C-alpha atoms as a PDB file:
ATOM      1  CA  MET A   1     155.581 103.805 240.985  1.00  0.00           C
ATOM      2  CA  THR A   2     155.587 102.106 244.376  1.00  0.00           C
ATOM      3  CA  GLY A   3     157.650 102.704 247.477  1.00  0.00           C
ATOM      4  CA  GLN A   4     160.017 105.593 248.144  1.00  0.00           C
ATOM      5  CA  VAL A   5     162.166 106.890 245.321  1.00  0.00           C
ATOM      6  CA  ARG A   6     165.558 108.176 246.420  1.00  0.00           C
ATOM      7  CA  THR A   7     168.145 110.344 244.767  1.00  0.00           C
ATOM      8  CA  VAL A   8     171.719 109.163 244.305  1.00  0.00           C
ATOM      9  CA  ASP A   9     172.723 110.809 247.586  1.00  0.00           C
ATOM     10  CA  GLY A  10     169.940 109.037 249.502  1.00  0.00           C
ATOM     11  CA  ARG A  11     167.330 111.777 249.772  1.00  0.00           C
ATOM     12  CA  VAL A  12     163.665 110.845 249.290  1.00  0.00           C
ATOM     13  CA  ALA A  13     162.368 112.378 246.068  1.00  0.00           C
ATOM     14  CA  GLY A  14     159.153 114.358 246.233  1.00  0.00           C
ATOM     15  CA  ARG A  15     156.293 114.076 243.769  1.00  0.00           C
ATOM     16  CA  ARG A  16     157.894 116.476 241.307  1.00  0.00           C
ATOM     17  CA  GLY A  17     161.221 114.708 241.614  1.00  0.00           C
ATOM     18  CA  GLN A  18     159.604 111.346 240.985  1.00  0.00           C
ATOM     19  CA  ALA A  19     157.895 112.734 237.882  1.00  0.00           C
ATOM     20  CA  THR A  20     161.218 114.123 236.607  1.00  0.00           C
ATOM     21  CA  ARG A  21     162.958 110.815 237.247  1.00  0.00           C
ATOM     22  CA  GLN A  22     160.251 108.912 235.384  1.00  0.00           C
ATOM     23  CA  LYS A  23     160.400 111.335 232.459  1.00  0.00           C
ATOM     24  CA  LEU A  24     164.146 110.754 232.200  1.00  0.00           C
ATOM     25  CA  LEU A  25     163.544 106.999 232.096  1.00  0.00           C
ATOM     26  CA  ASP A  26     160.792 107.362 229.492  1.00  0.00           C
ATOM     27  CA  CYS A  27     163.024 109.515 227.285  1.00  0.00           C
ATOM     28  CA  LEU A  28     165.905 107.058 227.633  1.00  0.00           C
ATOM     29  CA  ASP A  29     163.604 104.198 226.642  1.00  0.00           C
ATOM     30  CA  GLU A  30     162.505 106.128 223.541  1.00  0.00           C
ATOM     31  CA  MET A  31     166.117 106.842 222.593  1.00  0.00           C
ATOM     32  CA  LEU A  32     167.131 103.211 222.934  1.00  0.00           C
ATOM     33  CA  ALA A  33     164.554 102.361 220.278  1.00  0.00           C
ATOM     34  CA  SER A  34     166.457 104.333 217.656  1.00  0.00           C
ATOM     35  CA  SER A  35     170.031 104.668 218.929  1.00  0.00           C
ATOM     36  CA  PRO A  36     172.730 102.126 219.854  1.00  0.00           C
ATOM     37  CA  TYR A  37     172.910 101.776 223.632  1.00  0.00           C
ATOM     38  CA  ARG A  38     176.494 103.011 223.927  1.00  0.00           C
ATOM     39  CA  ASP A  39     175.817 106.072 221.755  1.00  0.00           C
ATOM     40  CA  VAL A  40     173.270 107.450 224.213  1.00  0.00           C
ATOM     41  CA  ARG A  41     174.735 110.248 226.343  1.00  0.00           C
ATOM     42  CA  VAL A  42     173.482 111.792 229.563  1.00  0.00           C
ATOM     43  CA  ILE A  43     173.303 115.251 227.983  1.00  0.00           C
ATOM     44  CA  ASP A  44     171.088 113.914 225.182  1.00  0.00           C
ATOM     45  CA  VAL A  45     168.677 112.191 227.590  1.00  0.00           C
ATOM     46  CA  ALA A  46     168.487 115.300 229.771  1.00  0.00           C
ATOM     47  CA  ARG A  47     167.911 117.571 226.790  1.00  0.00           C
ATOM     48  CA  ARG A  48     165.138 115.328 225.484  1.00  0.00           C
ATOM     49  CA  ALA A  49     163.494 115.389 228.922  1.00  0.00           C
ATOM     50  CA  GLY A  50     163.750 119.175 229.071  1.00  0.00           C
ATOM     51  CA  THR A  51     166.128 119.210 232.008  1.00  0.00           C
ATOM     52  CA  SER A  52     169.869 119.288 232.722  1.00  0.00           C
ATOM     53  CA  PRO A  53     172.632 116.674 233.100  1.00  0.00           C
ATOM     54  CA  ALA A  54     172.955 117.769 236.723  1.00  0.00           C
ATOM     55  CA  THR A  55     169.340 116.755 237.293  1.00  0.00           C
ATOM     56  CA  PHE A  56     169.952 113.405 235.602  1.00  0.00           C
ATOM     57  CA  TYR A  57     172.855 112.725 237.972  1.00  0.00           C
ATOM     58  CA  GLN A  58     170.600 113.398 240.942  1.00  0.00           C
ATOM     59  CA  TYR A  59     168.734 110.179 240.131  1.00  0.00           C
ATOM     60  CA  PHE A  60     171.189 107.960 238.231  1.00  0.00           C
ATOM     61  CA  PRO A  61     174.977 107.503 238.404  1.00  0.00           C
ATOM     62  CA  ASP A  62     175.222 107.191 234.609  1.00  0.00           C
ATOM     63  CA  VAL A  63     173.307 105.994 231.544  1.00  0.00           C
ATOM     64  CA  GLU A  64     173.997 102.362 232.398  1.00  0.00           C
ATOM     65  CA  GLY A  65     172.457 102.850 235.838  1.00  0.00           C
ATOM     66  CA  ALA A  66     169.297 104.220 234.256  1.00  0.00           C
ATOM     67  CA  VAL A  67     169.263 101.381 231.710  1.00  0.00           C
ATOM     68  CA  LEU A  68     169.444  98.842 234.530  1.00  0.00           C
ATOM     69  CA  GLU A  69     166.507 100.590 236.202  1.00  0.00           C
ATOM     70  CA  LEU A  70     164.469 100.201 233.009  1.00  0.00           C
ATOM     71  CA  ALA A  71     165.524  96.574 232.748  1.00  0.00           C
ATOM     72  CA  ASP A  72     164.591  95.830 236.368  1.00  0.00           C
ATOM     73  CA  THR A  73     161.146  97.365 235.861  1.00  0.00           C
ATOM     74  CA  MET A  74     160.636  95.309 232.695  1.00  0.00           C
ATOM     75  CA  ALA A  75     161.723  92.155 234.531  1.00  0.00           C
ATOM     76  CA  ARG A  76     159.189  92.769 237.308  1.00  0.00           C
ATOM     77  CA  GLU A  77     156.431  93.296 234.758  1.00  0.00           C
ATOM     78  CA  SER A  78     157.410  90.062 233.013  1.00  0.00           C
ATOM     79  CA  SER A  79     155.934  88.095 235.932  1.00  0.00           C
ATOM     80  CA  SER A  80     152.612  88.371 234.077  1.00  0.00           C
ATOM     81  CA  LEU A  81     154.001  85.962 231.441  1.00  0.00           C
ATOM     82  CA  ALA A  82     153.417  83.087 233.866  1.00  0.00           C
ATOM     83  CA  GLU A  83     149.671  83.642 233.484  1.00  0.00           C
ATOM     84  CA  LEU A  84     149.959  82.490 229.866  1.00  0.00           C
ATOM     85  CA  VAL A  85     150.804  78.975 231.082  1.00  0.00           C
ATOM     86  CA  THR A  86     149.662  78.497 234.678  1.00  0.00           C
ATOM     87  CA  ASP A  87     146.475  76.421 235.035  1.00  0.00           C
ATOM     88  CA  ARG A  88     145.990  76.267 231.272  1.00  0.00           C
ATOM     89  CA  SER A  89     144.851  73.152 229.424  1.00  0.00           C
ATOM     90  CA  TRP A  90     147.028  71.423 226.816  1.00  0.00           C
ATOM     91  CA  ALA A  91     144.311  68.996 225.742  1.00  0.00           C
ATOM     92  CA  GLY A  92     142.780  69.062 222.261  1.00  0.00           C
ATOM     93  CA  LYS A  93     141.509  72.371 220.904  1.00  0.00           C
ATOM     94  CA  ALA A  94     141.949  74.017 224.297  1.00  0.00           C
ATOM     95  CA  GLY A  95     145.631  73.097 224.155  1.00  0.00           C
ATOM     96  CA  ARG A  96     145.940  74.628 220.727  1.00  0.00           C
ATOM     97  CA  ARG A  97     144.415  77.854 222.060  1.00  0.00           C
ATOM     98  CA  THR A  98     146.862  77.781 224.973  1.00  0.00           C
ATOM     99  CA  ALA A  99     149.786  77.552 222.553  1.00  0.00           C
ATOM    100  CA  GLU A 100     148.398  80.326 220.339  1.00  0.00           C
ATOM    101  CA  GLU A 101     147.699  82.671 223.248  1.00  0.00           C
ATOM    102  CA  LEU A 102     151.100  81.974 224.789  1.00  0.00           C
ATOM    103  CA  VAL A 103     152.855  82.844 221.543  1.00  0.00           C
ATOM    104  CA  ASP A 104     150.725  85.941 221.020  1.00  0.00           C
ATOM    105  CA  GLY A 105     151.254  87.144 224.591  1.00  0.00           C
ATOM    106  CA  PHE A 106     154.999  86.510 224.523  1.00  0.00           C
ATOM    107  CA  LEU A 107     155.544  88.265 221.183  1.00  0.00           C
ATOM    108  CA  SER A 108     153.415  91.204 222.351  1.00  0.00           C
ATOM    109  CA  PHE A 109     155.474  91.516 225.529  1.00  0.00           C
ATOM    110  CA  TRP A 110     158.690  91.386 223.509  1.00  0.00           C
ATOM    111  CA  GLN A 111     157.445  94.018 221.074  1.00  0.00           C
ATOM    112  CA  ARG A 112     156.448  96.388 223.891  1.00  0.00           C
ATOM    113  CA  ASN A 113     159.873  96.041 225.496  1.00  0.00           C
ATOM    114  CA  ASP A 114     161.978  95.517 222.389  1.00  0.00           C
ATOM    115  CA  ALA A 115     164.406  98.387 222.999  1.00  0.00           C
ATOM    116  CA  ILE A 116     165.399  97.438 226.535  1.00  0.00           C
ATOM    117  CA  LEU A 117     165.377  93.713 225.754  1.00  0.00           C
ATOM    118  CA  ARG A 118     167.914  94.275 222.976  1.00  0.00           C
ATOM    119  CA  VAL A 119     170.199  96.001 225.486  1.00  0.00           C
ATOM    120  CA  VAL A 120     169.676  93.185 227.997  1.00  0.00           C
ATOM    121  CA  ASP A 121     170.532  90.585 225.342  1.00  0.00           C
ATOM    122  CA  LEU A 122     173.657  92.537 224.367  1.00  0.00           C
ATOM    123  CA  GLY A 123     174.841  92.810 227.957  1.00  0.00           C
ATOM    124  CA  ALA A 124     174.116  89.148 228.646  1.00  0.00           C
ATOM    125  CA  ALA A 125     175.975  88.079 225.487  1.00  0.00           C
ATOM    126  CA  GLU A 126     178.990  90.082 226.640  1.00  0.00           C
ATOM    127  CA  GLY A 127     179.001  88.276 229.971  1.00  0.00           C
ATOM    128  CA  ASP A 128     177.603  91.043 232.175  1.00  0.00           C
ATOM    129  CA  LYS A 129     176.069  89.105 235.071  1.00  0.00           C
ATOM    130  CA  ARG A 130     173.608  91.882 235.876  1.00  0.00           C
ATOM    131  CA  PHE A 131     172.005  91.663 232.456  1.00  0.00           C
ATOM    132  CA  SER A 132     172.262  87.865 232.405  1.00  0.00           C
ATOM    133  CA  LYS A 133     170.351  87.721 235.691  1.00  0.00           C
ATOM    134  CA  ILE A 134     167.602  89.960 234.307  1.00  0.00           C
ATOM    135  CA  ARG A 135     167.294  87.918 231.104  1.00  0.00           C
ATOM    136  CA  THR A 136     167.087  84.695 233.107  1.00  0.00           C
ATOM    137  CA  LYS A 137     164.414  86.188 235.356  1.00  0.00           C
ATOM    138  CA  VAL A 138     162.270  87.197 232.372  1.00  0.00           C
ATOM    139  CA  LEU A 139     162.462  83.817 230.632  1.00  0.00           C
ATOM    140  CA  SER A 140     162.042  81.871 233.882  1.00  0.00           C
ATOM    141  CA  ASN A 141     158.534  83.275 234.171  1.00  0.00           C
ATOM    142  CA  LEU A 142     157.665  80.955 231.284  1.00  0.00           C
ATOM    143  CA  THR A 143     160.132  78.094 231.605  1.00  0.00           C
ATOM    144  CA  GLY A 144     159.072  77.228 235.162  1.00  0.00           C
ATOM    145  CA  PRO A 145     155.310  77.000 234.555  1.00  0.00           C
ATOM    146  CA  LEU A 146     155.859  75.349 231.168  1.00  0.00           C
ATOM    147  CA  SER A 147     158.072  72.702 232.757  1.00  0.00           C
ATOM    148  CA  ASP A 148     155.373  72.101 235.381  1.00  0.00           C
ATOM    149  CA  SER A 149     152.791  71.638 232.619  1.00  0.00           C
ATOM    150  CA  ILE A 150     154.945  69.045 230.878  1.00  0.00           C
ATOM    151  CA  GLU A 151     155.505  67.185 234.151  1.00  0.00           C
ATOM    152  CA  GLU A 152     151.749  67.135 234.738  1.00  0.00           C
ATOM    153  CA  LEU A 153     151.138  65.734 231.258  1.00  0.00           C
ATOM    154  CA  GLN A 154     153.753  63.055 231.903  1.00  0.00           C
ATOM    155  CA  SER A 155     152.081  62.097 235.179  1.00  0.00           C
ATOM    156  CA  LYS A 156     148.849  61.539 233.252  1.00  0.00           C
ATOM    157  CA  GLY A 157     150.554  59.533 230.509  1.00  0.00           C
ATOM    158  CA  ARG A 158     149.903  62.231 227.924  1.00  0.00           C
ATOM    159  CA  ALA A 159     153.509  63.184 227.203  1.00  0.00           C
ATOM    160  CA  ASP A 160     156.751  61.315 226.492  1.00  0.00           C
ATOM    161  CA  GLN A 161     158.094  60.012 229.798  1.00  0.00           C
ATOM    162  CA  GLU A 162     161.686  60.024 228.586  1.00  0.00           C
ATOM    163  CA  VAL A 163     162.058  63.735 227.907  1.00  0.00           C
ATOM    164  CA  SER A 164     163.278  66.229 230.489  1.00  0.00           C
ATOM    165  CA  PRO A 165     160.512  68.779 231.191  1.00  0.00           C
ATOM    166  CA  GLN A 166     163.100  71.392 232.120  1.00  0.00           C
ATOM    167  CA  ALA A 167     165.116  70.843 228.936  1.00  0.00           C
ATOM    168  CA  VAL A 168     162.021  70.920 226.715  1.00  0.00           C
ATOM    169  CA  ALA A 169     160.629  74.042 228.399  1.00  0.00           C
ATOM    170  CA  GLY A 170     163.981  75.812 228.228  1.00  0.00           C
ATOM    171  CA  SER A 171     164.419  74.946 224.560  1.00  0.00           C
ATOM    172  CA  LEU A 172     160.925  76.094 223.616  1.00  0.00           C
ATOM    173  CA  VAL A 173     161.185  79.393 225.475  1.00  0.00           C
ATOM    174  CA  SER A 174     164.634  80.009 223.983  1.00  0.00           C
ATOM    175  CA  MET A 175     163.107  79.443 220.549  1.00  0.00           C
ATOM    176  CA  LEU A 176     160.356  81.984 221.255  1.00  0.00           C
ATOM    177  CA  ALA A 177     162.878  84.546 222.510  1.00  0.00           C
ATOM    178  CA  ALA A 178     165.154  84.056 219.504  1.00  0.00           C
ATOM    179  CA  VAL A 179     162.347  84.513 216.996  1.00  0.00           C
ATOM    180  CA  ALA A 180     160.849  87.437 218.936  1.00  0.00           C
ATOM    181  CA  GLY A 181     164.171  89.248 218.815  1.00  0.00           C
ATOM    182  CA  GLN A 182     164.938  88.400 215.180  1.00  0.00           C
ATOM    183  CA  GLN A 183     161.613  88.697 213.382  1.00  0.00           C
ATOM    184  CA  LYS A 184     163.035  90.816 210.568  1.00  0.00           C
ATOM    185  CA  SER A 185     165.832  88.313 209.985  1.00  0.00           C
ATOM    186  CA  VAL A 186     163.387  85.412 209.887  1.00  0.00           C
ATOM    187  CA  GLN A 187     161.301  87.265 207.318  1.00  0.00           C
ATOM    188  CA  SER A 188     164.402  88.013 205.244  1.00  0.00           C
ATOM    189  CA  TRP A 189     164.847  84.256 204.869  1.00  0.00           C
ATOM    190  CA  GLY A 190     161.494  84.072 203.097  1.00  0.00           C
ATOM    191  CA  ALA A 191     159.128  83.439 206.008  1.00  0.00           C
ATOM    192  CA  LYS A 192     155.936  85.489 205.892  1.00  0.00           C
ATOM    193  CA  ARG A 193     155.141  87.576 208.941  1.00  0.00           C
ATOM    194  CA  ALA A 194     151.612  86.142 209.036  1.00  0.00           C
ATOM    195  CA  ASP A 195     153.049  82.615 209.259  1.00  0.00           C
ATOM    196  CA  LEU A 196     155.264  83.222 212.292  1.00  0.00           C
ATOM    197  CA  LYS A 197     152.657  83.044 215.060  1.00  0.00           C
ATOM    198  CA  PRO A 198     150.831  79.908 213.851  1.00  0.00           C
ATOM    199  CA  THR A 199     154.154  78.186 213.147  1.00  0.00           C
ATOM    200  CA  LEU A 200     155.485  78.992 216.621  1.00  0.00           C
ATOM    201  CA  ALA A 201     152.209  77.828 218.186  1.00  0.00           C
ATOM    202  CA  PHE A 202     152.424  74.561 216.226  1.00  0.00           C
ATOM    203  CA  LEU A 203     156.013  73.932 217.365  1.00  0.00           C
ATOM    204  CA  LEU A 204     155.178  74.880 220.939  1.00  0.00           C
ATOM    205  CA  TYR A 205     152.212  72.529 221.154  1.00  0.00           C
ATOM    206  CA  LEU A 206     154.186  69.742 219.478  1.00  0.00           C
ATOM    207  CA  GLY A 207     157.088  70.254 221.868  1.00  0.00           C
ATOM    208  CA  VAL A 208     154.920  70.217 224.991  1.00  0.00           C
ATOM    209  CA  THR A 209     152.598  67.336 224.079  1.00  0.00           C
ATOM    210  CA  GLY A 210     154.527  65.364 221.462  1.00  0.00           C
ATOM    211  CA  ARG A 211     151.430  65.562 219.241  1.00  0.00           C
ATOM    212  CA  LYS A 212     150.195  67.721 216.402  1.00  0.00           C
ATOM    213  CA  PRO A 213     147.608  70.285 217.551  1.00  0.00           C
ATOM    214  CA  THR A 214     143.928  69.470 217.075  1.00  0.00           C
ATOM    215  CA  ARG A 215     142.265  71.366 214.247  1.00  0.00           C
END
């Protein structure tokens, strides 16, 4: 945790207060994994953390405020997704590895943050601009660098000059996010779990380069 942590009334929280605040967030995150977002109550989070609702309200105005704190933290951590694309090769076997590692890294990130990402998606779908902004921030960490990679390939004559790098990157990242959030549904349609990653990597490489990946 970096910087000063303040209570709702503006006081700087001490070390014990910071630990209590973090425990409340951790417990809320655990509850979101098994309970619908709007069914989670302050009293339940406080009880799980071994404290009182009054203590919860010292740090957060309500459950939604705490959820947004979790979402903001997740969004900041998502900046590491850019490393999956930045300065990576899309040529030949190296390009295939880039696609595979990007897919693996993205799905791993989504799995680690599945509970809060589901809440973010729900809020964004309902038109809540706060959640929409967070979702855009997370996905932009990939769409920007991926668009740059496509533009670089175009400048070298190694990608279709007529496609929009931004549109291709946005479409590919949207595909990854949709599959990451609906893996059980995809499998219910007959797709094997073991086939998802290589299939996504194939489509990603094909979308970026316009070519089948090198075996």
